[in-house]
Amino acid sequence: EIPVDQICSDRLGTALYKLSLSGNRVHSIPDQLTVKLTGLRVLDVSQCDLHSVPDKWDLPSLKKLNLSHNRILKCPSQSVFRGLPQLEHLDLY
């Protein structure tokens, strides 16, 4: 197990470009993951038993976000996408 603090450290925050938590029952995305991983290009949180997504995102390099196969009850607000200016692919299936 790697603590979220280590994943979101200054060193990894800009160097990490792909993160998959797929299949892990995390139930929610830690806020740190959506604002500190500025170099992230791909985030896969499919099959994580998510019920919602954070309101604040600041991932300027993110191109692909996989939220599929979760239990998201409410569609993310439009403001979420302001923090994802490079987003090209969003999977909500």
PDB file of N, CA and C in Angstrom:
ATOM      1  N   GLU A   1       0.819  -1.180   0.000  1.00  0.00           N
ATOM      2  CA  GLU A   1       0.000   0.000   0.000  1.00  0.00           C
ATOM      3  C   GLU A   1       0.868   1.252   0.000  1.00  0.00           C
ATOM      4  N   ILE A   2       0.498   2.196  -0.828  1.00  0.00           N
ATOM      5  CA  ILE A   2       1.202   3.472  -0.885  1.00  0.00           C
ATOM      6  C   ILE A   2       0.238   4.548  -0.388  1.00  0.00           C
ATOM      7  N   PRO A   3       0.614   5.274   0.641  1.00  0.00           N
ATOM      8  CA  PRO A   3      -0.268   6.336   1.150  1.00  0.00           C
ATOM      9  C   PRO A   3      -0.499   7.434   0.105  1.00  0.00           C
ATOM     10  N   VAL A   4      -1.702   7.999   0.121  1.00  0.00           N
ATOM     11  CA  VAL A   4      -2.067   9.060  -0.818  1.00  0.00           C
ATOM     12  C   VAL A   4      -1.078  10.219  -0.726  1.00  0.00           C
ATOM     13  N   ASP A   5      -0.598  10.528   0.474  1.00  0.00           N
ATOM     14  CA  ASP A   5       0.360  11.624   0.642  1.00  0.00           C
ATOM     15  C   ASP A   5       1.614  11.414  -0.198  1.00  0.00           C
ATOM     16  N   GLN A   6       2.070  10.161  -0.314  1.00  0.00           N
ATOM     17  CA  GLN A   6       3.259   9.890  -1.114  1.00  0.00           C
ATOM     18  C   GLN A   6       2.963  10.010  -2.604  1.00  0.00           C
ATOM     19  N   ILE A   7       1.785   9.544  -3.012  1.00  0.00           N
ATOM     20  CA  ILE A   7       1.405   9.643  -4.426  1.00  0.00           C
ATOM     21  C   ILE A   7       1.290  11.107  -4.835  1.00  0.00           C
ATOM     22  N   CYS A   8       0.791  11.933  -3.932  1.00  0.00           N
ATOM     23  CA  CYS A   8       0.554  13.349  -4.234  1.00  0.00           C
ATOM     24  C   CYS A   8       1.694  14.252  -3.799  1.00  0.00           C
ATOM     25  N   SER A   9       2.844  13.688  -3.552  1.00  0.00           N
ATOM     26  CA  SER A   9       3.993  14.497  -3.133  1.00  0.00           C
ATOM     27  C   SER A   9       4.445  15.400  -4.279  1.00  0.00           C
ATOM     28  N   ASP A  10       5.225  16.410  -3.944  1.00  0.00           N
ATOM     29  CA  ASP A  10       5.732  17.324  -4.973  1.00  0.00           C
ATOM     30  C   ASP A  10       6.529  16.565  -6.034  1.00  0.00           C
ATOM     31  N   ARG A  11       7.270  15.577  -5.606  1.00  0.00           N
ATOM     32  CA  ARG A  11       8.116  14.815  -6.528  1.00  0.00           C
ATOM     33  C   ARG A  11       7.281  14.025  -7.537  1.00  0.00           C
ATOM     34  N   LEU A  12       6.278  13.292  -7.051  1.00  0.00           N
ATOM     35  CA  LEU A  12       5.451  12.491  -7.949  1.00  0.00           C
ATOM     36  C   LEU A  12       4.348  13.293  -8.625  1.00  0.00           C
ATOM     37  N   GLY A  13       3.914  14.347  -7.993  1.00  0.00           N
ATOM     38  CA  GLY A  13       2.795  15.133  -8.510  1.00  0.00           C
ATOM     39  C   GLY A  13       2.974  15.603  -9.932  1.00  0.00           C
ATOM     40  N   THR A  14       4.192  15.946 -10.302  1.00  0.00           N
ATOM     41  CA  THR A  14       4.443  16.398 -11.668  1.00  0.00           C
ATOM     42  C   THR A  14       4.977  15.276 -12.554  1.00  0.00           C
ATOM     43  N   ALA A  15       5.543  14.222 -11.960  1.00  0.00           N
ATOM     44  CA  ALA A  15       6.154  13.144 -12.737  1.00  0.00           C
ATOM     45  C   ALA A  15       5.178  12.022 -13.090  1.00  0.00           C
ATOM     46  N   LEU A  16       4.183  11.803 -12.261  1.00  0.00           N
ATOM     47  CA  LEU A  16       3.230  10.720 -12.480  1.00  0.00           C
ATOM     48  C   LEU A  16       2.293  11.087 -13.625  1.00  0.00           C
ATOM     49  N   TYR A  17       2.239  10.248 -14.658  1.00  0.00           N
ATOM     50  CA  TYR A  17       1.386  10.590 -15.786  1.00  0.00           C
ATOM     51  C   TYR A  17       0.198   9.638 -15.950  1.00  0.00           C
ATOM     52  N   LYS A  18       0.214   8.482 -15.278  1.00  0.00           N
ATOM     53  CA  LYS A  18      -0.892   7.542 -15.382  1.00  0.00           C
ATOM     54  C   LYS A  18      -1.125   6.907 -14.016  1.00  0.00           C
ATOM     55  N   LEU A  19      -2.382   6.905 -13.578  1.00  0.00           N
ATOM     56  CA  LEU A  19      -2.735   6.312 -12.291  1.00  0.00           C
ATOM     57  C   LEU A  19      -4.007   5.502 -12.458  1.00  0.00           C
ATOM     58  N   SER A  20      -3.944   4.221 -12.077  1.00  0.00           N
ATOM     59  CA  SER A  20      -5.109   3.357 -12.136  1.00  0.00           C
ATOM     60  C   SER A  20      -5.420   2.832 -10.742  1.00  0.00           C
ATOM     61  N   LEU A  21      -6.622   3.118 -10.295  1.00  0.00           N
ATOM     62  CA  LEU A  21      -7.138   2.562  -9.045  1.00  0.00           C
ATOM     63  C   LEU A  21      -8.277   1.598  -9.353  1.00  0.00           C
ATOM     64  N   SER A  22      -8.410   1.223 -10.592  1.00  0.00           N
ATOM     65  CA  SER A  22      -9.506   0.391 -11.070  1.00  0.00           C
ATOM     66  C   SER A  22      -9.653  -0.882 -10.243  1.00  0.00           C
ATOM     67  N   GLY A  23     -10.904  -1.159  -9.882  1.00  0.00           N
ATOM     68  CA  GLY A  23     -11.197  -2.385  -9.159  1.00  0.00           C
ATOM     69  C   GLY A  23     -10.998  -2.315  -7.662  1.00  0.00           C
ATOM     70  N   ASN A  24     -10.495  -1.219  -7.172  1.00  0.00           N
ATOM     71  CA  ASN A  24     -10.318  -1.041  -5.732  1.00  0.00           C
ATOM     72  C   ASN A  24     -11.554  -0.344  -5.175  1.00  0.00           C
ATOM     73  N   ARG A  25     -12.081  -0.841  -4.127  1.00  0.00           N
ATOM     74  CA  ARG A  25     -13.294  -0.268  -3.518  1.00  0.00           C
ATOM     75  C   ARG A  25     -12.927   0.927  -2.654  1.00  0.00           C
ATOM     76  N   VAL A  26     -12.553   2.021  -3.309  1.00  0.00           N
ATOM     77  CA  VAL A  26     -12.139   3.214  -2.564  1.00  0.00           C
ATOM     78  C   VAL A  26     -13.334   4.071  -2.152  1.00  0.00           C
ATOM     79  N   HIS A  27     -14.495   3.889  -2.780  1.00  0.00           N
ATOM     80  CA  HIS A  27     -15.754   4.573  -2.475  1.00  0.00           C
ATOM     81  C   HIS A  27     -15.750   6.079  -2.753  1.00  0.00           C
ATOM     82  N   SER A  28     -14.613   6.737  -2.656  1.00  0.00           N
ATOM     83  CA  SER A  28     -14.520   8.161  -2.992  1.00  0.00           C
ATOM     84  C   SER A  28     -13.100   8.466  -3.444  1.00  0.00           C
ATOM     85  N   ILE A  29     -12.995   9.498  -4.251  1.00  0.00           N
ATOM     86  CA  ILE A  29     -11.678   9.915  -4.738  1.00  0.00           C
ATOM     87  C   ILE A  29     -11.132  10.940  -3.751  1.00  0.00           C
ATOM     88  N   PRO A  30      -9.971  10.672  -3.159  1.00  0.00           N
ATOM     89  CA  PRO A  30      -9.395  11.647  -2.233  1.00  0.00           C
ATOM     90  C   PRO A  30      -9.165  12.992  -2.933  1.00  0.00           C
ATOM     91  N   ASP A  31      -9.518  14.071  -2.267  1.00  0.00           N
ATOM     92  CA  ASP A  31      -9.370  15.408  -2.854  1.00  0.00           C
ATOM     93  C   ASP A  31      -7.948  15.675  -3.333  1.00  0.00           C
ATOM     94  N   GLN A  32      -6.967  15.148  -2.629  1.00  0.00           N
ATOM     95  CA  GLN A  32      -5.574  15.373  -3.021  1.00  0.00           C
ATOM     96  C   GLN A  32      -5.289  14.867  -4.432  1.00  0.00           C
ATOM     97  N   LEU A  33      -5.936  13.768  -4.824  1.00  0.00           N
ATOM     98  CA  LEU A  33      -5.696  13.206  -6.153  1.00  0.00           C
ATOM     99  C   LEU A  33      -6.212  14.096  -7.269  1.00  0.00           C
ATOM    100  N   THR A  34      -7.178  14.940  -6.960  1.00  0.00           N
ATOM    101  CA  THR A  34      -7.783  15.761  -8.013  1.00  0.00           C
ATOM    102  C   THR A  34      -7.183  17.163  -8.115  1.00  0.00           C
ATOM    103  N   VAL A  35      -6.228  17.479  -7.244  1.00  0.00           N
ATOM    104  CA  VAL A  35      -5.638  18.816  -7.306  1.00  0.00           C
ATOM    105  C   VAL A  35      -4.112  18.835  -7.267  1.00  0.00           C
ATOM    106  N   LYS A  36      -3.478  17.767  -6.845  1.00  0.00           N
ATOM    107  CA  LYS A  36      -2.023  17.803  -6.674  1.00  0.00           C
ATOM    108  C   LYS A  36      -1.233  17.055  -7.744  1.00  0.00           C
ATOM    109  N   LEU A  37      -1.898  16.296  -8.578  1.00  0.00           N
ATOM    110  CA  LEU A  37      -1.192  15.516  -9.594  1.00  0.00           C
ATOM    111  C   LEU A  37      -1.218  16.256 -10.928  1.00  0.00           C
ATOM    112  N   THR A  38      -0.525  17.355 -10.967  1.00  0.00           N
ATOM    113  CA  THR A  38      -0.595  18.258 -12.119  1.00  0.00           C
ATOM    114  C   THR A  38      -0.046  17.661 -13.416  1.00  0.00           C
ATOM    115  N   GLY A  39       0.787  16.639 -13.337  1.00  0.00           N
ATOM    116  CA  GLY A  39       1.326  16.005 -14.533  1.00  0.00           C
ATOM    117  C   GLY A  39       0.499  14.840 -15.033  1.00  0.00           C
ATOM    118  N   LEU A  40      -0.540  14.472 -14.308  1.00  0.00           N
ATOM    119  CA  LEU A  40      -1.355  13.298 -14.636  1.00  0.00           C
ATOM    120  C   LEU A  40      -2.080  13.482 -15.965  1.00  0.00           C
ATOM    121  N   ARG A  41      -1.950  12.473 -16.837  1.00  0.00           N
ATOM    122  CA  ARG A  41      -2.622  12.505 -18.137  1.00  0.00           C
ATOM    123  C   ARG A  41      -3.758  11.498 -18.234  1.00  0.00           C
ATOM    124  N   VAL A  42      -3.665  10.417 -17.436  1.00  0.00           N
ATOM    125  CA  VAL A  42      -4.687   9.370 -17.464  1.00  0.00           C
ATOM    126  C   VAL A  42      -5.029   8.985 -16.027  1.00  0.00           C
ATOM    127  N   LEU A  43      -6.326   9.006 -15.702  1.00  0.00           N
ATOM    128  CA  LEU A  43      -6.785   8.576 -14.382  1.00  0.00           C
ATOM    129  C   LEU A  43      -7.912   7.577 -14.582  1.00  0.00           C
ATOM    130  N   ASP A  44      -7.705   6.367 -14.061  1.00  0.00           N
ATOM    131  CA  ASP A  44      -8.703   5.306 -14.171  1.00  0.00           C
ATOM    132  C   ASP A  44      -9.203   4.957 -12.775  1.00  0.00           C
ATOM    133  N   VAL A  45     -10.433   5.347 -12.502  1.00  0.00           N
ATOM    134  CA  VAL A  45     -11.079   5.002 -11.232  1.00  0.00           C
ATOM    135  C   VAL A  45     -12.367   4.221 -11.521  1.00  0.00           C
ATOM    136  N   SER A  46     -12.294   3.364 -12.529  1.00  0.00           N
ATOM    137  CA  SER A  46     -13.439   2.523 -12.866  1.00  0.00           C
ATOM    138  C   SER A  46     -13.576   1.410 -11.831  1.00  0.00           C
ATOM    139  N   GLN A  47     -14.785   0.952 -11.632  1.00  0.00           N
ATOM    140  CA  GLN A  47     -15.092  -0.153 -10.729  1.00  0.00           C
ATOM    141  C   GLN A  47     -14.564   0.088  -9.309  1.00  0.00           C
ATOM    142  N   CYS A  48     -14.723   1.312  -8.829  1.00  0.00           N
ATOM    143  CA  CYS A  48     -14.240   1.665  -7.482  1.00  0.00           C
ATOM    144  C   CYS A  48     -15.386   1.891  -6.493  1.00  0.00           C
ATOM    145  N   ASP A  49     -16.599   1.566  -6.906  1.00  0.00           N
ATOM    146  CA  ASP A  49     -17.783   1.751  -6.058  1.00  0.00           C
ATOM    147  C   ASP A  49     -17.950   3.212  -5.638  1.00  0.00           C
ATOM    148  N   LEU A  50     -17.655   4.115  -6.567  1.00  0.00           N
ATOM    149  CA  LEU A  50     -17.810   5.545  -6.300  1.00  0.00           C
ATOM    150  C   LEU A  50     -19.290   5.930  -6.347  1.00  0.00           C
ATOM    151  N   HIS A  51     -19.693   6.796  -5.436  1.00  0.00           N
ATOM    152  CA  HIS A  51     -21.063   7.302  -5.428  1.00  0.00           C
ATOM    153  C   HIS A  51     -21.116   8.760  -5.878  1.00  0.00           C
ATOM    154  N   SER A  52     -19.981   9.423  -5.862  1.00  0.00           N
ATOM    155  CA  SER A  52     -19.896  10.814  -6.303  1.00  0.00           C
ATOM    156  C   SER A  52     -18.461  11.100  -6.728  1.00  0.00           C
ATOM    157  N   VAL A  53     -18.290  12.252  -7.321  1.00  0.00           N
ATOM    158  CA  VAL A  53     -16.940  12.699  -7.685  1.00  0.00           C
ATOM    159  C   VAL A  53     -16.703  14.051  -7.017  1.00  0.00           C
ATOM    160  N   PRO A  54     -15.452  14.365  -6.718  1.00  0.00           N
ATOM    161  CA  PRO A  54     -15.159  15.651  -6.080  1.00  0.00           C
ATOM    162  C   PRO A  54     -15.602  16.827  -6.950  1.00  0.00           C
ATOM    163  N   ASP A  55     -15.950  17.927  -6.295  1.00  0.00           N
ATOM    164  CA  ASP A  55     -16.373  19.133  -7.014  1.00  0.00           C
ATOM    165  C   ASP A  55     -15.197  19.911  -7.581  1.00  0.00           C
ATOM    166  N   LYS A  56     -14.051  19.811  -6.937  1.00  0.00           N
ATOM    167  CA  LYS A  56     -12.897  20.592  -7.381  1.00  0.00           C
ATOM    168  C   LYS A  56     -11.848  19.688  -8.024  1.00  0.00           C
ATOM    169  N   TRP A  57     -11.491  20.050  -9.233  1.00  0.00           N
ATOM    170  CA  TRP A  57     -10.442  19.338  -9.975  1.00  0.00           C
ATOM    171  C   TRP A  57      -9.471  20.380 -10.512  1.00  0.00           C
ATOM    172  N   ASP A  58      -8.201  20.084 -10.411  1.00  0.00           N
ATOM    173  CA  ASP A  58      -7.172  20.945 -10.988  1.00  0.00           C
ATOM    174  C   ASP A  58      -6.079  20.042 -11.550  1.00  0.00           C
ATOM    175  N   LEU A  59      -6.411  19.407 -12.646  1.00  0.00           N
ATOM    176  CA  LEU A  59      -5.484  18.497 -13.322  1.00  0.00           C
ATOM    177  C   LEU A  59      -5.307  19.002 -14.751  1.00  0.00           C
ATOM    178  N   PRO A  60      -4.445  19.997 -14.931  1.00  0.00           N
ATOM    179  CA  PRO A  60      -4.326  20.668 -16.226  1.00  0.00           C
ATOM    180  C   PRO A  60      -3.842  19.789 -17.376  1.00  0.00           C
ATOM    181  N   SER A  61      -3.216  18.659 -17.081  1.00  0.00           N
ATOM    182  CA  SER A  61      -2.693  17.796 -18.140  1.00  0.00           C
ATOM    183  C   SER A  61      -3.569  16.587 -18.425  1.00  0.00           C
ATOM    184  N   LEU A  62      -4.624  16.377 -17.637  1.00  0.00           N
ATOM    185  CA  LEU A  62      -5.436  15.164 -17.772  1.00  0.00           C
ATOM    186  C   LEU A  62      -6.149  15.123 -19.120  1.00  0.00           C
ATOM    187  N   LYS A  63      -5.945  14.020 -19.841  1.00  0.00           N
ATOM    188  CA  LYS A  63      -6.561  13.838 -21.147  1.00  0.00           C
ATOM    189  C   LYS A  63      -7.644  12.761 -21.112  1.00  0.00           C
ATOM    190  N   LYS A  64      -7.497  11.785 -20.216  1.00  0.00           N
ATOM    191  CA  LYS A  64      -8.444  10.665 -20.179  1.00  0.00           C
ATOM    192  C   LYS A  64      -8.860  10.394 -18.735  1.00  0.00           C
ATOM    193  N   LEU A  65     -10.176  10.361 -18.502  1.00  0.00           N
ATOM    194  CA  LEU A  65     -10.729  10.089 -17.181  1.00  0.00           C
ATOM    195  C   LEU A  65     -11.751   8.969 -17.317  1.00  0.00           C
ATOM    196  N   ASN A  66     -11.492   7.863 -16.629  1.00  0.00           N
ATOM    197  CA  ASN A  66     -12.398   6.717 -16.676  1.00  0.00           C
ATOM    198  C   ASN A  66     -13.118   6.589 -15.337  1.00  0.00           C
ATOM    199  N   LEU A  67     -14.401   6.911 -15.339  1.00  0.00           N
ATOM    200  CA  LEU A  67     -15.256   6.797 -14.154  1.00  0.00           C
ATOM    201  C   LEU A  67     -16.285   5.683 -14.331  1.00  0.00           C
ATOM    202  N   SER A  68     -16.085   4.810 -15.301  1.00  0.00           N
ATOM    203  CA  SER A  68     -17.090   3.810 -15.643  1.00  0.00           C
ATOM    204  C   SER A  68     -17.281   2.760 -14.552  1.00  0.00           C
ATOM    205  N   HIS A  69     -18.451   2.127 -14.621  1.00  0.00           N
ATOM    206  CA  HIS A  69     -18.809   1.020 -13.733  1.00  0.00           C
ATOM    207  C   HIS A  69     -18.721   1.393 -12.258  1.00  0.00           C
ATOM    208  N   ASN A  70     -19.262   2.554 -11.931  1.00  0.00           N
ATOM    209  CA  ASN A  70     -19.375   3.008 -10.547  1.00  0.00           C
ATOM    210  C   ASN A  70     -20.848   3.241 -10.255  1.00  0.00           C
ATOM    211  N   ARG A  71     -21.139   3.739  -9.105  1.00  0.00           N
ATOM    212  CA  ARG A  71     -22.520   4.009  -8.708  1.00  0.00           C
ATOM    213  C   ARG A  71     -22.727   5.500  -8.485  1.00  0.00           C
ATOM    214  N   ILE A  72     -22.245   6.273  -9.425  1.00  0.00           N
ATOM    215  CA  ILE A  72     -22.354   7.724  -9.320  1.00  0.00           C
ATOM    216  C   ILE A  72     -23.819   8.114  -9.479  1.00  0.00           C
ATOM    217  N   LEU A  73     -24.349   8.722  -8.447  1.00  0.00           N
ATOM    218  CA  LEU A  73     -25.773   9.043  -8.401  1.00  0.00           C
ATOM    219  C   LEU A  73     -26.096  10.399  -9.004  1.00  0.00           C
ATOM    220  N   LYS A  74     -25.111  11.285  -9.027  1.00  0.00           N
ATOM    221  CA  LYS A  74     -25.328  12.642  -9.519  1.00  0.00           C
ATOM    222  C   LYS A  74     -24.267  12.963 -10.562  1.00  0.00           C
ATOM    223  N   CYS A  75     -24.699  13.489 -11.671  1.00  0.00           N
ATOM    224  CA  CYS A  75     -23.772  13.858 -12.735  1.00  0.00           C
ATOM    225  C   CYS A  75     -22.864  14.984 -12.238  1.00  0.00           C
ATOM    226  N   PRO A  76     -21.578  14.897 -12.535  1.00  0.00           N
ATOM    227  CA  PRO A  76     -20.659  15.970 -12.112  1.00  0.00           C
ATOM    228  C   PRO A  76     -21.097  17.329 -12.652  1.00  0.00           C
ATOM    229  N   SER A  77     -20.918  18.357 -11.856  1.00  0.00           N
ATOM    230  CA  SER A  77     -21.292  19.700 -12.297  1.00  0.00           C
ATOM    231  C   SER A  77     -20.330  20.176 -13.375  1.00  0.00           C
ATOM    232  N   GLN A  78     -20.787  21.145 -14.135  1.00  0.00           N
ATOM    233  CA  GLN A  78     -19.985  21.672 -15.229  1.00  0.00           C
ATOM    234  C   GLN A  78     -18.684  22.295 -14.726  1.00  0.00           C
ATOM    235  N   SER A  79     -18.674  22.795 -13.500  1.00  0.00           N
ATOM    236  CA  SER A  79     -17.476  23.431 -12.950  1.00  0.00           C
ATOM    237  C   SER A  79     -16.317  22.446 -12.820  1.00  0.00           C
ATOM    238  N   VAL A  80     -16.620  21.150 -12.686  1.00  0.00           N
ATOM    239  CA  VAL A  80     -15.571  20.130 -12.606  1.00  0.00           C
ATOM    240  C   VAL A  80     -14.674  20.210 -13.836  1.00  0.00           C
ATOM    241  N   PHE A  81     -15.268  20.422 -14.984  1.00  0.00           N
ATOM    242  CA  PHE A  81     -14.520  20.378 -16.231  1.00  0.00           C
ATOM    243  C   PHE A  81     -13.652  21.611 -16.468  1.00  0.00           C
ATOM    244  N   ARG A  82     -13.882  22.667 -15.740  1.00  0.00           N
ATOM    245  CA  ARG A  82     -13.005  23.846 -15.854  1.00  0.00           C
ATOM    246  C   ARG A  82     -11.589  23.510 -15.391  1.00  0.00           C
ATOM    247  N   GLY A  83     -11.468  22.606 -14.441  1.00  0.00           N
ATOM    248  CA  GLY A  83     -10.155  22.203 -13.932  1.00  0.00           C
ATOM    249  C   GLY A  83      -9.508  21.107 -14.744  1.00  0.00           C
ATOM    250  N   LEU A  84     -10.148  20.734 -15.858  1.00  0.00           N
ATOM    251  CA  LEU A  84      -9.640  19.681 -16.744  1.00  0.00           C
ATOM    252  C   LEU A  84      -9.589  20.203 -18.181  1.00  0.00           C
ATOM    253  N   PRO A  85      -8.802  21.234 -18.435  1.00  0.00           N
ATOM    254  CA  PRO A  85      -8.832  21.892 -19.752  1.00  0.00           C
ATOM    255  C   PRO A  85      -8.364  21.021 -20.919  1.00  0.00           C
ATOM    256  N   GLN A  86      -7.581  19.985 -20.667  1.00  0.00           N
ATOM    257  CA  GLN A  86      -7.061  19.128 -21.739  1.00  0.00           C
ATOM    258  C   GLN A  86      -7.873  17.848 -21.937  1.00  0.00           C
ATOM    259  N   LEU A  87      -8.955  17.669 -21.160  1.00  0.00           N
ATOM    260  CA  LEU A  87      -9.725  16.427 -21.204  1.00  0.00           C
ATOM    261  C   LEU A  87     -10.278  16.157 -22.604  1.00  0.00           C
ATOM    262  N   GLU A  88      -9.955  14.976 -23.124  1.00  0.00           N
ATOM    263  CA  GLU A  88     -10.408  14.551 -24.448  1.00  0.00           C
ATOM    264  C   GLU A  88     -11.359  13.367 -24.375  1.00  0.00           C
ATOM    265  N   HIS A  89     -11.208  12.550 -23.324  1.00  0.00           N
ATOM    266  CA  HIS A  89     -12.008  11.324 -23.227  1.00  0.00           C
ATOM    267  C   HIS A  89     -12.530  11.171 -21.803  1.00  0.00           C
ATOM    268  N   LEU A  90     -13.854  11.068 -21.683  1.00  0.00           N
ATOM    269  CA  LEU A  90     -14.510  10.858 -20.396  1.00  0.00           C
ATOM    270  C   LEU A  90     -15.407   9.654 -20.516  1.00  0.00           C
ATOM    271  N   ASP A  91     -15.175   8.644 -19.686  1.00  0.00           N
ATOM    272  CA  ASP A  91     -15.990   7.432 -19.711  1.00  0.00           C
ATOM    273  C   ASP A  91     -16.819   7.374 -18.438  1.00  0.00           C
ATOM    274  N   LEU A  92     -18.137   7.471 -18.596  1.00  0.00           N
ATOM    275  CA  LEU A  92     -19.074   7.411 -17.466  1.00  0.00           C
ATOM    276  C   LEU A  92     -19.982   6.192 -17.556  1.00  0.00           C
ATOM    277  N   TYR A  93     -19.712   5.272 -18.468  1.00  0.00           N
ATOM    278  CA  TYR A  93     -20.592   4.131 -18.687  1.00  0.00           C
ATOM    279  C   TYR A  93     -20.830   3.376 -17.404  1.00  0.00           C
TER     280      TYR A  93
END
